[in-house]
Amino acid sequence: MKRTKYIPAIVTLTGCLAATIITFLNRYDALRSMIIILASLVVFYIAGLVIKGLADKYLVIEQEIINEEEAEEGEEADDSSENADSKNEKEEKTE
C-alpha cells in the first residue's frame, strides 16, 4: 500500500546511519566498517520488511474496512433514491 511503501527504506537508512556513526566513533578501519555497515544494511532491510508486513496486515486493513463501509453506505443511499424514483414512476403511470 502507498502509506507503507517506504518503511523498509527508512528503517534501513536509519539503521545504517547508526552503524556508521558507531563505527566512526569506535575508529574501526575502513574494511571492518564496510562489513559492519553491509551487515546492518541487510539486517535492517529485513526488519523493515517485517514492519511493513505487519503494518499492511493490521493497520491498512482497518482503513480498507472503513472505506468499504463508506462505499456500502453510498450504495444504500443510491438504492433508496432509485427505489424512490421507481415509486414516483409507478405513481405517474397509475395517474
PDB file of N, CA and C in Angstrom:
ATOM      1  N   MET A   1       0.828  -1.166   0.000  1.00  0.00           N
ATOM      2  CA  MET A   1       0.000   0.000   0.000  1.00  0.00           C
ATOM      3  C   MET A   1       0.879   1.239   0.000  1.00  0.00           C
ATOM      4  N   LYS A   2       0.299   2.353  -0.371  1.00  0.00           N
ATOM      5  CA  LYS A   2       1.089   3.559  -0.541  1.00  0.00           C
ATOM      6  C   LYS A   2       1.692   4.068   0.761  1.00  0.00           C
ATOM      7  N   ARG A   3       0.932   3.984   1.851  1.00  0.00           N
ATOM      8  CA  ARG A   3       1.423   4.566   3.091  1.00  0.00           C
ATOM      9  C   ARG A   3       2.594   3.790   3.665  1.00  0.00           C
ATOM     10  N   THR A   4       2.690   2.530   3.414  1.00  0.00           N
ATOM     11  CA  THR A   4       3.751   1.713   3.996  1.00  0.00           C
ATOM     12  C   THR A   4       4.866   1.405   3.011  1.00  0.00           C
ATOM     13  N   LYS A   5       4.833   2.012   1.860  1.00  0.00           N
ATOM     14  CA  LYS A   5       5.778   1.695   0.791  1.00  0.00           C
ATOM     15  C   LYS A   5       7.226   1.982   1.188  1.00  0.00           C
ATOM     16  N   TYR A   6       7.459   3.054   1.917  1.00  0.00           N
ATOM     17  CA  TYR A   6       8.816   3.499   2.197  1.00  0.00           C
ATOM     18  C   TYR A   6       9.348   3.054   3.561  1.00  0.00           C
ATOM     19  N   ILE A   7       8.615   2.270   4.292  1.00  0.00           N
ATOM     20  CA  ILE A   7       9.062   1.835   5.621  1.00  0.00           C
ATOM     21  C   ILE A   7      10.383   1.075   5.562  1.00  0.00           C
ATOM     22  N   PRO A   8      10.572   0.091   4.677  1.00  0.00           N
ATOM     23  CA  PRO A   8      11.862  -0.609   4.658  1.00  0.00           C
ATOM     24  C   PRO A   8      13.044   0.317   4.375  1.00  0.00           C
ATOM     25  N   ALA A   9      12.863   1.262   3.480  1.00  0.00           N
ATOM     26  CA  ALA A   9      13.955   2.182   3.159  1.00  0.00           C
ATOM     27  C   ALA A   9      14.293   3.075   4.343  1.00  0.00           C
ATOM     28  N   ILE A  10      13.292   3.566   5.022  1.00  0.00           N
ATOM     29  CA  ILE A  10      13.526   4.441   6.171  1.00  0.00           C
ATOM     30  C   ILE A  10      14.221   3.683   7.289  1.00  0.00           C
ATOM     31  N   VAL A  11      13.751   2.471   7.583  1.00  0.00           N
ATOM     32  CA  VAL A  11      14.365   1.667   8.637  1.00  0.00           C
ATOM     33  C   VAL A  11      15.804   1.319   8.272  1.00  0.00           C
ATOM     34  N   THR A  12      16.036   0.948   7.013  1.00  0.00           N
ATOM     35  CA  THR A  12      17.386   0.589   6.564  1.00  0.00           C
ATOM     36  C   THR A  12      18.336   1.773   6.672  1.00  0.00           C
ATOM     37  N   LEU A  13      17.914   2.921   6.176  1.00  0.00           N
ATOM     38  CA  LEU A  13      18.784   4.095   6.228  1.00  0.00           C
ATOM     39  C   LEU A  13      19.065   4.538   7.662  1.00  0.00           C
ATOM     40  N   THR A  14      18.076   4.460   8.518  1.00  0.00           N
ATOM     41  CA  THR A  14      18.273   4.830   9.916  1.00  0.00           C
ATOM     42  C   THR A  14      19.252   3.877  10.597  1.00  0.00           C
ATOM     43  N   GLY A  15      19.084   2.591  10.357  1.00  0.00           N
ATOM     44  CA  GLY A  15      19.994   1.601  10.945  1.00  0.00           C
ATOM     45  C   GLY A  15      21.416   1.745  10.433  1.00  0.00           C
ATOM     46  N   CYS A  16      21.551   1.995   9.141  1.00  0.00           N
ATOM     47  CA  CYS A  16      22.900   2.168   8.575  1.00  0.00           C
ATOM     48  C   CYS A  16      23.552   3.452   9.073  1.00  0.00           C
ATOM     49  N   LEU A  17      22.771   4.492   9.271  1.00  0.00           N
ATOM     50  CA  LEU A  17      23.310   5.732   9.830  1.00  0.00           C
ATOM     51  C   LEU A  17      23.842   5.480  11.235  1.00  0.00           C
ATOM     52  N   ALA A  18      23.077   4.755  12.035  1.00  0.00           N
ATOM     53  CA  ALA A  18      23.523   4.431  13.392  1.00  0.00           C
ATOM     54  C   ALA A  18      24.794   3.583  13.351  1.00  0.00           C
ATOM     55  N   ALA A  19      24.842   2.596  12.472  1.00  0.00           N
ATOM     56  CA  ALA A  19      26.034   1.748  12.357  1.00  0.00           C
ATOM     57  C   ALA A  19      27.242   2.555  11.901  1.00  0.00           C
ATOM     58  N   THR A  20      27.033   3.480  10.995  1.00  0.00           N
ATOM     59  CA  THR A  20      28.134   4.317  10.511  1.00  0.00           C
ATOM     60  C   THR A  20      28.683   5.198  11.623  1.00  0.00           C
ATOM     61  N   ILE A  21      27.780   5.794  12.381  1.00  0.00           N
ATOM     62  CA  ILE A  21      28.217   6.652  13.486  1.00  0.00           C
ATOM     63  C   ILE A  21      28.978   5.848  14.534  1.00  0.00           C
ATOM     64  N   ILE A  22      28.472   4.665  14.849  1.00  0.00           N
ATOM     65  CA  ILE A  22      29.140   3.830  15.857  1.00  0.00           C
ATOM     66  C   ILE A  22      30.520   3.393  15.378  1.00  0.00           C
ATOM     67  N   THR A  23      30.627   2.974  14.124  1.00  0.00           N
ATOM     68  CA  THR A  23      31.942   2.547  13.619  1.00  0.00           C
ATOM     69  C   THR A  23      32.914   3.727  13.534  1.00  0.00           C
ATOM     70  N   PHE A  24      32.387   4.910  13.245  1.00  0.00           N
ATOM     71  CA  PHE A  24      33.245   6.097  13.194  1.00  0.00           C
ATOM     72  C   PHE A  24      33.737   6.465  14.592  1.00  0.00           C
ATOM     73  N   LEU A  25      32.837   6.438  15.566  1.00  0.00           N
ATOM     74  CA  LEU A  25      33.224   6.799  16.934  1.00  0.00           C
ATOM     75  C   LEU A  25      34.190   5.790  17.550  1.00  0.00           C
ATOM     76  N   ASN A  26      34.054   4.531  17.177  1.00  0.00           N
ATOM     77  CA  ASN A  26      34.952   3.496  17.704  1.00  0.00           C
ATOM     78  C   ASN A  26      36.230   3.357  16.886  1.00  0.00           C
ATOM     79  N   ARG A  27      36.369   4.155  15.842  1.00  0.00           N
ATOM     80  CA  ARG A  27      37.572   4.222  14.995  1.00  0.00           C
ATOM     81  C   ARG A  27      37.951   2.860  14.386  1.00  0.00           C
ATOM     82  N   TYR A  28      36.946   2.210  13.797  1.00  0.00           N
ATOM     83  CA  TYR A  28      37.229   0.972  13.078  1.00  0.00           C
ATOM     84  C   TYR A  28      37.937   1.311  11.772  1.00  0.00           C
ATOM     85  N   ASP A  29      38.715   0.347  11.263  1.00  0.00           N
ATOM     86  CA  ASP A  29      39.343   0.580   9.961  1.00  0.00           C
ATOM     87  C   ASP A  29      38.278   0.468   8.861  1.00  0.00           C
ATOM     88  N   ALA A  30      38.613   0.892   7.659  1.00  0.00           N
ATOM     89  CA  ALA A  30      37.627   1.022   6.581  1.00  0.00           C
ATOM     90  C   ALA A  30      36.978  -0.310   6.209  1.00  0.00           C
ATOM     91  N   LEU A  31      37.764  -1.371   6.079  1.00  0.00           N
ATOM     92  CA  LEU A  31      37.208  -2.667   5.683  1.00  0.00           C
ATOM     93  C   LEU A  31      36.233  -3.187   6.730  1.00  0.00           C
ATOM     94  N   ARG A  32      36.621  -3.106   7.981  1.00  0.00           N
ATOM     95  CA  ARG A  32      35.749  -3.595   9.053  1.00  0.00           C
ATOM     96  C   ARG A  32      34.479  -2.743   9.121  1.00  0.00           C
ATOM     97  N   SER A  33      34.600  -1.442   8.917  1.00  0.00           N
ATOM     98  CA  SER A  33      33.429  -0.564   8.927  1.00  0.00           C
ATOM     99  C   SER A  33      32.463  -0.946   7.808  1.00  0.00           C
ATOM    100  N   MET A  34      32.994  -1.188   6.622  1.00  0.00           N
ATOM    101  CA  MET A  34      32.139  -1.533   5.489  1.00  0.00           C
ATOM    102  C   MET A  34      31.426  -2.868   5.707  1.00  0.00           C
ATOM    103  N   ILE A  35      32.105  -3.818   6.312  1.00  0.00           N
ATOM    104  CA  ILE A  35      31.481  -5.115   6.607  1.00  0.00           C
ATOM    105  C   ILE A  35      30.354  -4.942   7.616  1.00  0.00           C
ATOM    106  N   ILE A  36      30.601  -4.159   8.653  1.00  0.00           N
ATOM    107  CA  ILE A  36      29.571  -3.919   9.673  1.00  0.00           C
ATOM    108  C   ILE A  36      28.381  -3.178   9.063  1.00  0.00           C
ATOM    109  N   ILE A  37      28.646  -2.170   8.241  1.00  0.00           N
ATOM    110  CA  ILE A  37      27.566  -1.404   7.628  1.00  0.00           C
ATOM    111  C   ILE A  37      26.779  -2.261   6.643  1.00  0.00           C
ATOM    112  N   LEU A  38      27.451  -3.108   5.891  1.00  0.00           N
ATOM    113  CA  LEU A  38      26.760  -4.006   4.969  1.00  0.00           C
ATOM    114  C   LEU A  38      25.877  -4.996   5.727  1.00  0.00           C
ATOM    115  N   ALA A  39      26.398  -5.542   6.813  1.00  0.00           N
ATOM    116  CA  ALA A  39      25.601  -6.473   7.615  1.00  0.00           C
ATOM    117  C   ALA A  39      24.387  -5.763   8.213  1.00  0.00           C
ATOM    118  N   SER A  40      24.587  -4.536   8.696  1.00  0.00           N
ATOM    119  CA  SER A  40      23.455  -3.798   9.261  1.00  0.00           C
ATOM    120  C   SER A  40      22.441  -3.451   8.173  1.00  0.00           C
ATOM    121  N   LEU A  41      22.925  -3.191   6.966  1.00  0.00           N
ATOM    122  CA  LEU A  41      22.034  -2.904   5.845  1.00  0.00           C
ATOM    123  C   LEU A  41      21.081  -4.075   5.605  1.00  0.00           C
ATOM    124  N   VAL A  42      21.617  -5.266   5.565  1.00  0.00           N
ATOM    125  CA  VAL A  42      20.795  -6.456   5.315  1.00  0.00           C
ATOM    126  C   VAL A  42      19.828  -6.702   6.465  1.00  0.00           C
ATOM    127  N   VAL A  43      20.336  -6.619   7.687  1.00  0.00           N
ATOM    128  CA  VAL A  43      19.501  -6.896   8.864  1.00  0.00           C
ATOM    129  C   VAL A  43      18.370  -5.880   8.977  1.00  0.00           C
ATOM    130  N   PHE A  44      18.686  -4.601   8.822  1.00  0.00           N
ATOM    131  CA  PHE A  44      17.652  -3.588   8.967  1.00  0.00           C
ATOM    132  C   PHE A  44      16.676  -3.585   7.793  1.00  0.00           C
ATOM    133  N   TYR A  45      17.105  -3.994   6.610  1.00  0.00           N
ATOM    134  CA  TYR A  45      16.178  -4.113   5.494  1.00  0.00           C
ATOM    135  C   TYR A  45      15.160  -5.221   5.766  1.00  0.00           C
ATOM    136  N   ILE A  46      15.625  -6.339   6.268  1.00  0.00           N
ATOM    137  CA  ILE A  46      14.707  -7.432   6.618  1.00  0.00           C
ATOM    138  C   ILE A  46      13.757  -6.997   7.727  1.00  0.00           C
ATOM    139  N   ALA A  47      14.291  -6.283   8.726  1.00  0.00           N
ATOM    140  CA  ALA A  47      13.431  -5.772   9.797  1.00  0.00           C
ATOM    141  C   ALA A  47      12.390  -4.807   9.236  1.00  0.00           C
ATOM    142  N   GLY A  48      12.783  -3.963   8.289  1.00  0.00           N
ATOM    143  CA  GLY A  48      11.836  -3.040   7.662  1.00  0.00           C
ATOM    144  C   GLY A  48      10.746  -3.756   6.893  1.00  0.00           C
ATOM    145  N   LEU A  49      11.105  -4.840   6.224  1.00  0.00           N
ATOM    146  CA  LEU A  49      10.093  -5.628   5.502  1.00  0.00           C
ATOM    147  C   LEU A  49       9.096  -6.269   6.466  1.00  0.00           C
ATOM    148  N   VAL A  50       9.606  -6.736   7.608  1.00  0.00           N
ATOM    149  CA  VAL A  50       8.716  -7.325   8.623  1.00  0.00           C
ATOM    150  C   VAL A  50       7.769  -6.256   9.167  1.00  0.00           C
ATOM    151  N   ILE A  51       8.305  -5.084   9.469  1.00  0.00           N
ATOM    152  CA  ILE A  51       7.468  -3.992   9.979  1.00  0.00           C
ATOM    153  C   ILE A  51       6.431  -3.587   8.942  1.00  0.00           C
ATOM    154  N   LYS A  52       6.832  -3.510   7.678  1.00  0.00           N
ATOM    155  CA  LYS A  52       5.898  -3.168   6.607  1.00  0.00           C
ATOM    156  C   LYS A  52       4.791  -4.208   6.496  1.00  0.00           C
ATOM    157  N   GLY A  53       5.173  -5.478   6.581  1.00  0.00           N
ATOM    158  CA  GLY A  53       4.174  -6.545   6.510  1.00  0.00           C
ATOM    159  C   GLY A  53       3.172  -6.468   7.647  1.00  0.00           C
ATOM    160  N   LEU A  54       3.667  -6.207   8.850  1.00  0.00           N
ATOM    161  CA  LEU A  54       2.770  -6.073   9.998  1.00  0.00           C
ATOM    162  C   LEU A  54       1.867  -4.858   9.847  1.00  0.00           C
ATOM    163  N   ALA A  55       2.421  -3.757   9.371  1.00  0.00           N
ATOM    164  CA  ALA A  55       1.614  -2.552   9.179  1.00  0.00           C
ATOM    165  C   ALA A  55       0.545  -2.784   8.115  1.00  0.00           C
ATOM    166  N   ASP A  56       0.902  -3.455   7.040  1.00  0.00           N
ATOM    167  CA  ASP A  56      -0.087  -3.751   5.998  1.00  0.00           C
ATOM    168  C   ASP A  56      -1.189  -4.651   6.533  1.00  0.00           C
ATOM    169  N   LYS A  57      -0.802  -5.602   7.345  1.00  0.00           N
ATOM    170  CA  LYS A  57      -1.776  -6.570   7.843  1.00  0.00           C
ATOM    171  C   LYS A  57      -2.724  -5.963   8.867  1.00  0.00           C
ATOM    172  N   TYR A  58      -2.198  -5.162   9.791  1.00  0.00           N
ATOM    173  CA  TYR A  58      -3.021  -4.707  10.903  1.00  0.00           C
ATOM    174  C   TYR A  58      -3.511  -3.271  10.780  1.00  0.00           C
ATOM    175  N   LEU A  59      -2.804  -2.405  10.093  1.00  0.00           N
ATOM    176  CA  LEU A  59      -3.215  -1.001  10.022  1.00  0.00           C
ATOM    177  C   LEU A  59      -3.994  -0.670   8.768  1.00  0.00           C
ATOM    178  N   VAL A  60      -3.543  -1.140   7.639  1.00  0.00           N
ATOM    179  CA  VAL A  60      -4.163  -0.770   6.376  1.00  0.00           C
ATOM    180  C   VAL A  60      -5.499  -1.469   6.204  1.00  0.00           C
ATOM    181  N   ILE A  61      -5.638  -2.673   6.708  1.00  0.00           N
ATOM    182  CA  ILE A  61      -6.894  -3.410   6.578  1.00  0.00           C
ATOM    183  C   ILE A  61      -8.023  -2.661   7.271  1.00  0.00           C
ATOM    184  N   GLU A  62      -7.735  -2.065   8.443  1.00  0.00           N
ATOM    185  CA  GLU A  62      -8.756  -1.305   9.137  1.00  0.00           C
ATOM    186  C   GLU A  62      -9.233  -0.138   8.281  1.00  0.00           C
ATOM    187  N   GLN A  63      -8.316   0.526   7.602  1.00  0.00           N
ATOM    188  CA  GLN A  63      -8.684   1.636   6.729  1.00  0.00           C
ATOM    189  C   GLN A  63      -9.501   1.134   5.551  1.00  0.00           C
ATOM    190  N   GLU A  64      -9.157  -0.024   5.007  1.00  0.00           N
ATOM    191  CA  GLU A  64      -9.915  -0.578   3.890  1.00  0.00           C
ATOM    192  C   GLU A  64     -11.327  -0.947   4.326  1.00  0.00           C
ATOM    193  N   ILE A  65     -11.480  -1.454   5.549  1.00  0.00           N
ATOM    194  CA  ILE A  65     -12.808  -1.794   6.058  1.00  0.00           C
ATOM    195  C   ILE A  65     -13.651  -0.534   6.173  1.00  0.00           C
ATOM    196  N   ILE A  66     -13.050   0.535   6.664  1.00  0.00           N
ATOM    197  CA  ILE A  66     -13.768   1.799   6.780  1.00  0.00           C
ATOM    198  C   ILE A  66     -14.187   2.292   5.403  1.00  0.00           C
ATOM    199  N   ASN A  67     -13.289   2.188   4.432  1.00  0.00           N
ATOM    200  CA  ASN A  67     -13.619   2.614   3.070  1.00  0.00           C
ATOM    201  C   ASN A  67     -14.745   1.771   2.481  1.00  0.00           C
ATOM    202  N   GLU A  68     -14.726   0.458   2.745  1.00  0.00           N
ATOM    203  CA  GLU A  68     -15.783  -0.417   2.244  1.00  0.00           C
ATOM    204  C   GLU A  68     -17.127  -0.065   2.879  1.00  0.00           C
ATOM    205  N   GLU A  69     -17.117   0.245   4.193  1.00  0.00           N
ATOM    206  CA  GLU A  69     -18.352   0.612   4.861  1.00  0.00           C
ATOM    207  C   GLU A  69     -18.917   1.905   4.277  1.00  0.00           C
ATOM    208  N   GLU A  70     -18.043   2.872   4.000  1.00  0.00           N
ATOM    209  CA  GLU A  70     -18.494   4.120   3.399  1.00  0.00           C
ATOM    210  C   GLU A  70     -19.061   3.870   2.013  1.00  0.00           C
ATOM    211  N   ALA A  71     -18.430   2.973   1.264  1.00  0.00           N
ATOM    212  CA  ALA A  71     -18.923   2.652  -0.072  1.00  0.00           C
ATOM    213  C   ALA A  71     -20.291   1.973   0.009  1.00  0.00           C
ATOM    214  N   GLU A  72     -20.464   1.080   0.981  1.00  0.00           N
ATOM    215  CA  GLU A  72     -21.749   0.407   1.141  1.00  0.00           C
ATOM    216  C   GLU A  72     -22.836   1.402   1.526  1.00  0.00           C
ATOM    217  N   GLU A  73     -22.504   2.359   2.389  1.00  0.00           N
ATOM    218  CA  GLU A  73     -23.483   3.378   2.760  1.00  0.00           C
ATOM    219  C   GLU A  73     -23.873   4.208   1.546  1.00  0.00           C
ATOM    220  N   GLY A  74     -22.891   4.506   0.708  1.00  0.00           N
ATOM    221  CA  GLY A  74     -23.176   5.250  -0.515  1.00  0.00           C
ATOM    222  C   GLY A  74     -24.075   4.463  -1.446  1.00  0.00           C
ATOM    223  N   GLU A  75     -23.851   3.157  -1.534  1.00  0.00           N
ATOM    224  CA  GLU A  75     -24.684   2.306  -2.384  1.00  0.00           C
ATOM    225  C   GLU A  75     -26.099   2.223  -1.831  1.00  0.00           C
ATOM    226  N   GLU A  76     -26.227   2.149  -0.499  1.00  0.00           N
ATOM    227  CA  GLU A  76     -27.549   2.093   0.109  1.00  0.00           C
ATOM    228  C   GLU A  76     -28.315   3.379  -0.177  1.00  0.00           C
ATOM    229  N   ALA A  77     -27.610   4.499  -0.123  1.00  0.00           N
ATOM    230  CA  ALA A  77     -28.252   5.771  -0.430  1.00  0.00           C
ATOM    231  C   ALA A  77     -28.683   5.799  -1.892  1.00  0.00           C
ATOM    232  N   ASP A  78     -27.858   5.269  -2.772  1.00  0.00           N
ATOM    233  CA  ASP A  78     -28.204   5.196  -4.188  1.00  0.00           C
ATOM    234  C   ASP A  78     -29.406   4.286  -4.402  1.00  0.00           C
ATOM    235  N   ASP A  79     -29.429   3.141  -3.697  1.00  0.00           N
ATOM    236  CA  ASP A  79     -30.537   2.204  -3.819  1.00  0.00           C
ATOM    237  C   ASP A  79     -31.839   2.837  -3.335  1.00  0.00           C
ATOM    238  N   SER A  80     -31.791   3.568  -2.245  1.00  0.00           N
ATOM    239  CA  SER A  80     -33.006   4.192  -1.717  1.00  0.00           C
ATOM    240  C   SER A  80     -33.505   5.275  -2.661  1.00  0.00           C
ATOM    241  N   SER A  81     -32.589   6.017  -3.282  1.00  0.00           N
ATOM    242  CA  SER A  81     -33.026   7.034  -4.243  1.00  0.00           C
ATOM    243  C   SER A  81     -33.588   6.371  -5.498  1.00  0.00           C
ATOM    244  N   GLU A  82     -33.036   5.230  -5.898  1.00  0.00           N
ATOM    245  CA  GLU A  82     -33.563   4.506  -7.046  1.00  0.00           C
ATOM    246  C   GLU A  82     -34.945   3.962  -6.732  1.00  0.00           C
ATOM    247  N   ASN A  83     -35.149   3.464  -5.504  1.00  0.00           N
ATOM    248  CA  ASN A  83     -36.459   2.969  -5.105  1.00  0.00           C
ATOM    249  C   ASN A  83     -37.474   4.105  -5.107  1.00  0.00           C
ATOM    250  N   ALA A  84     -37.073   5.263  -4.637  1.00  0.00           N
ATOM    251  CA  ALA A  84     -37.978   6.415  -4.618  1.00  0.00           C
ATOM    252  C   ALA A  84     -38.314   6.826  -6.040  1.00  0.00           C
ATOM    253  N   ASP A  85     -37.352   6.790  -6.942  1.00  0.00           N
ATOM    254  CA  ASP A  85     -37.599   7.143  -8.337  1.00  0.00           C
ATOM    255  C   ASP A  85     -38.559   6.151  -8.980  1.00  0.00           C
ATOM    256  N   SER A  86     -38.372   4.875  -8.687  1.00  0.00           N
ATOM    257  CA  SER A  86     -39.258   3.870  -9.291  1.00  0.00           C
ATOM    258  C   SER A  86     -40.671   3.996  -8.732  1.00  0.00           C
ATOM    259  N   LYS A  87     -40.798   4.358  -7.457  1.00  0.00           N
ATOM    260  CA  LYS A  87     -42.130   4.573  -6.881  1.00  0.00           C
ATOM    261  C   LYS A  87     -42.801   5.762  -7.539  1.00  0.00           C
ATOM    262  N   ASN A  88     -42.039   6.825  -7.765  1.00  0.00           N
ATOM    263  CA  ASN A  88     -42.604   8.005  -8.424  1.00  0.00           C
ATOM    264  C   ASN A  88     -43.055   7.665  -9.839  1.00  0.00           C
ATOM    265  N   GLU A  89     -42.275   6.857 -10.548  1.00  0.00           N
ATOM    266  CA  GLU A  89     -42.640   6.470 -11.900  1.00  0.00           C
ATOM    267  C   GLU A  89     -43.930   5.632 -11.899  1.00  0.00           C
ATOM    268  N   LYS A  90     -44.047   4.726 -10.912  1.00  0.00           N
ATOM    269  CA  LYS A  90     -45.254   3.900 -10.819  1.00  0.00           C
ATOM    270  C   LYS A  90     -46.486   4.754 -10.531  1.00  0.00           C
ATOM    271  N   GLU A  91     -46.315   5.756  -9.670  1.00  0.00           N
ATOM    272  CA  GLU A  91     -47.436   6.644  -9.347  1.00  0.00           C
ATOM    273  C   GLU A  91     -47.834   7.447 -10.585  1.00  0.00           C
ATOM    274  N   GLU A  92     -46.870   7.896 -11.369  1.00  0.00           N
ATOM    275  CA  GLU A  92     -47.167   8.667 -12.571  1.00  0.00           C
ATOM    276  C   GLU A  92     -47.896   7.792 -13.603  1.00  0.00           C
ATOM    277  N   LYS A  93     -47.519   6.536 -13.680  1.00  0.00           N
ATOM    278  CA  LYS A  93     -48.156   5.631 -14.636  1.00  0.00           C
ATOM    279  C   LYS A  93     -49.610   5.350 -14.242  1.00  0.00           C
ATOM    280  N   THR A  94     -49.857   5.234 -12.938  1.00  0.00           N
ATOM    281  CA  THR A  94     -51.222   4.933 -12.491  1.00  0.00           C
ATOM    282  C   THR A  94     -52.141   6.125 -12.648  1.00  0.00           C
ATOM    283  N   GLU A  95     -51.581   7.318 -12.635  1.00  0.00           N
ATOM    284  CA  GLU A  95     -52.414   8.505 -12.790  1.00  0.00           C
ATOM    285  C   GLU A  95     -52.772   8.663 -14.217  1.00  0.00           C
TER     286      GLU A  95
END
